Protein backbone atom coordinates (compact mmCIF):
# COMPACT_ATOMS: atom_id res chain seq x y z
CA UNK A 1 136.06 3.49 128.40
CA UNK A 2 136.37 3.50 132.15
CA UNK A 3 132.73 3.89 133.22
CA UNK A 4 133.64 3.47 136.89
CA UNK A 5 135.09 6.98 136.79
CA UNK A 6 131.59 8.16 135.94
CA UNK A 7 129.53 5.72 137.97
CA UNK A 8 131.72 5.25 141.05
CA UNK A 9 131.20 8.52 142.89
CA UNK A 10 129.14 11.14 141.12
CA UNK A 11 131.75 13.24 139.26
CA UNK A 12 131.89 16.96 139.94
CA UNK A 13 133.38 18.88 137.00
CA UNK A 14 134.52 22.50 137.06
CA UNK A 15 135.68 25.32 134.82
CA UNK A 16 136.46 28.93 135.56
CA UNK A 17 132.78 29.92 135.72
CA UNK A 18 130.74 26.73 136.06
CA UNK A 19 130.36 23.59 138.14
CA UNK A 20 128.67 20.46 136.79
CA UNK A 21 127.31 18.44 139.70
CA UNK A 22 124.46 16.25 140.86
CA UNK A 23 120.93 17.63 140.79
CA UNK A 24 119.31 17.24 144.21
CA UNK A 25 115.80 17.70 145.59
CA UNK A 26 116.80 21.18 146.85
CA UNK A 27 117.08 22.26 143.20
CA UNK A 28 113.41 21.44 142.47
CA UNK A 29 112.33 25.04 141.86
CA UNK A 30 115.15 25.70 139.37
CA UNK A 31 114.61 22.36 137.58
CA UNK A 32 110.89 23.08 137.38
CA UNK A 33 111.56 26.52 135.88
CA UNK A 34 113.53 24.82 133.09
CA UNK A 35 111.07 21.98 132.41
CA UNK A 36 108.00 24.26 132.58
CA UNK A 37 109.26 26.44 129.69
CA UNK A 38 108.02 25.46 126.21
CA UNK A 39 110.82 27.48 124.54
CA UNK A 40 113.56 25.39 126.22
CA UNK A 41 112.35 22.21 124.53
CA UNK A 42 111.48 23.59 121.10
CA UNK A 43 114.34 21.57 119.57
CA UNK A 44 114.44 18.64 122.01
CA UNK A 45 112.66 15.32 122.15
CA UNK A 46 111.39 16.26 125.59
CA UNK A 47 107.85 17.32 126.44
CA UNK A 48 107.75 20.23 128.91
CA UNK A 49 106.42 19.40 132.37
CA UNK A 50 103.92 21.79 133.93
CA UNK A 51 103.41 19.93 137.23
CA UNK A 52 105.95 20.43 140.00
CA UNK A 53 105.25 16.97 141.48
CA UNK A 54 106.12 15.39 138.12
CA UNK A 55 109.41 17.31 138.06
CA UNK A 56 110.12 16.23 141.62
CA UNK A 57 109.74 12.58 140.58
CA UNK A 58 112.03 13.23 137.61
CA UNK A 59 114.85 14.24 139.95
CA UNK A 60 114.47 10.80 141.52
CA UNK A 61 114.61 9.27 138.03
CA UNK A 62 117.89 11.10 137.36
CA UNK A 63 119.34 9.31 140.39
CA UNK A 64 117.80 5.96 139.36
CA UNK A 65 119.27 6.20 135.85
CA UNK A 66 122.66 7.05 137.32
CA UNK A 67 122.62 4.00 139.59
CA UNK A 68 121.53 1.84 136.62
CA UNK A 69 124.60 3.22 134.79
CA UNK A 70 122.47 4.22 131.82
CA UNK A 71 122.56 8.03 131.92
CA UNK A 72 124.19 10.85 133.84
CA UNK A 73 122.52 14.24 134.22
CA UNK A 74 124.65 17.00 135.65
CA UNK A 75 123.19 20.26 136.82
CA UNK A 76 125.01 23.24 135.33
CA UNK A 77 125.66 25.69 138.15
CA UNK A 78 127.17 29.15 137.97
CA UNK A 79 130.03 29.49 140.43
CA UNK A 80 129.58 33.14 141.25
CA UNK A 81 125.82 33.66 141.27
CA UNK A 82 124.78 31.89 144.46
CA UNK A 83 125.38 28.50 142.80
CA UNK A 84 122.29 28.93 140.65
CA UNK A 85 121.24 25.94 138.51
CA UNK A 86 121.12 27.29 134.95
CA UNK A 87 120.83 24.11 132.90
CA UNK A 88 121.30 20.39 132.52
CA UNK A 89 123.89 18.44 130.52
CA UNK A 90 123.89 14.70 130.13
CA UNK A 91 125.82 11.71 128.87
CA UNK A 92 123.84 8.69 127.63
CA UNK A 93 123.78 5.80 125.15
CA UNK A 94 127.02 4.34 126.50
CA UNK A 95 128.39 1.78 124.03
CA UNK A 96 131.47 0.21 125.58
CA UNK A 97 132.05 -2.11 122.59
CA UNK A 98 132.93 0.85 120.38
CA UNK A 99 133.82 3.23 123.22
CA UNK A 100 131.23 5.88 122.36
CA UNK A 101 128.38 7.83 123.93
CA UNK A 102 125.99 10.68 123.23
CA UNK A 103 125.52 14.00 124.98
CA UNK A 104 122.64 16.44 125.25
CA UNK A 105 122.07 19.74 127.03
CA UNK A 106 119.53 22.47 127.62
CA UNK A 107 119.55 25.73 129.54
CA UNK A 108 117.06 27.90 131.37
CA UNK A 109 115.92 30.52 128.88
CA UNK A 110 117.41 33.42 130.88
CA UNK A 111 120.84 31.75 130.51
CA UNK A 112 120.82 31.61 126.71
CA UNK A 113 123.44 33.47 124.65
CA UNK A 114 125.94 33.77 127.50
CA UNK A 115 128.42 31.06 126.49
CA UNK A 116 127.19 28.69 129.20
CA UNK A 117 126.28 25.82 126.86
CA UNK A 118 129.60 26.11 125.03
CA UNK A 119 131.56 26.12 128.29
CA UNK A 120 129.53 23.20 129.70
CA UNK A 121 130.08 21.04 126.63
CA UNK A 122 133.80 21.88 126.79
CA UNK A 123 133.98 20.76 130.44
CA UNK A 124 132.20 17.49 129.66
CA UNK A 125 134.22 16.73 126.51
CA UNK A 126 137.49 17.25 128.40
CA UNK A 127 136.36 14.92 131.21
CA UNK A 128 135.11 12.21 128.84
CA UNK A 129 138.27 12.16 126.71
CA UNK A 130 140.93 12.78 129.35
CA UNK A 131 139.54 10.87 132.34
CA UNK A 132 136.93 8.39 131.11
CA UNK A 133 138.96 7.57 127.98
CA UNK A 134 136.01 7.65 125.58
CA UNK A 135 136.94 7.48 121.88
CA UNK A 136 133.87 9.14 120.33
CA UNK A 137 131.22 11.60 121.53
CA UNK A 138 128.20 12.43 119.42
CA UNK A 139 125.15 14.66 119.58
CA UNK A 140 121.92 14.48 117.60
CA UNK A 141 120.55 17.89 116.61
CA UNK A 142 117.27 18.94 115.04
CA UNK A 143 117.90 20.71 111.74
CA UNK A 144 116.48 24.05 112.91
CA UNK A 145 118.56 24.15 116.12
CA UNK A 146 121.27 26.54 114.93
CA UNK A 147 122.33 27.54 118.46
CA UNK A 148 123.16 23.95 119.41
CA UNK A 149 125.09 23.41 116.18
CA UNK A 150 127.25 26.45 117.00
CA UNK A 151 127.94 25.13 120.52
CA UNK A 152 129.14 21.81 119.11
CA UNK A 153 131.26 23.34 116.35
CA UNK A 154 132.96 25.65 118.88
CA UNK A 155 133.90 22.53 120.85
CA UNK A 156 135.52 20.77 117.90
CA UNK A 157 132.61 18.59 116.79
CA UNK A 158 132.11 18.01 113.06
CA UNK A 159 128.82 17.68 111.24
CA UNK A 160 128.95 14.09 110.07
CA UNK A 161 125.70 13.84 108.23
CA UNK A 162 121.94 13.95 108.01
CA UNK A 163 119.72 11.09 109.08
CA UNK A 164 116.41 11.49 107.31
CA UNK A 165 113.25 10.54 109.23
CA UNK A 166 115.56 8.79 111.68
CA UNK A 167 114.05 9.19 115.09
CA UNK A 168 110.77 9.48 116.95
CA UNK A 169 111.06 12.36 119.40
CA UNK A 170 108.37 12.94 122.01
CA UNK A 171 106.12 15.79 120.98
CA UNK A 172 107.86 16.13 117.59
CA UNK A 173 106.99 12.92 115.72
CA UNK A 174 109.43 11.36 113.27
CA UNK A 175 112.20 13.84 112.56
CA UNK A 176 115.38 14.34 110.60
CA UNK A 177 118.55 14.67 112.65
CA UNK A 178 121.99 16.02 111.99
CA UNK A 179 124.74 14.04 113.65
CA UNK A 180 127.72 15.86 115.13
CA UNK A 181 130.70 13.92 116.42
CA UNK A 182 134.18 14.33 117.82
CA UNK A 183 136.88 11.69 118.19
CA UNK A 184 139.53 11.59 120.86
CA UNK A 185 142.19 12.09 118.16
CA UNK A 186 140.38 15.26 116.97
CA UNK A 187 140.33 16.54 120.54
CA UNK A 188 144.01 15.71 121.12
CA UNK A 189 145.04 17.56 117.95
CA UNK A 190 143.21 20.68 119.10
CA UNK A 191 145.14 20.95 122.40
């Protein structure tokens, strides 16, 4: 895994319709709209934030985590709608010994059911396998989160199993998780 490709200069990733790029202070209103919505985090281990100053500090934390090389949060921007921020996708839990990491994502509610999450995951998977040379990408999904499972399956991930009472998620308590994963060899075969 070549983490310097991720943590050298902030990577900007593109597809036909979307751009994944750094979230800046100028995006505060759009980030707040996402974090203020209870529905967005129904299946996430994230507690919604209802204070705009708290969200403003979080944008600073995104930058701090990036510079600590612990987590990367990309804003998901639509190319053709005034570069509107419609969601966030992240890579985290970098394990260079086994060449693996985890991803997570969430969208503004008005961007659901438009293929944006599927396209965003596809952009990130391509980058991580082809440029960063990761061997394995995984995602943890709450059992009831059918939409996220579909996004992962469309991108070549496989359900690998159920971890019972495996994790403590903020606002959710101890939960069961389904693990979805994709290996570089799986990705290469699908090309």
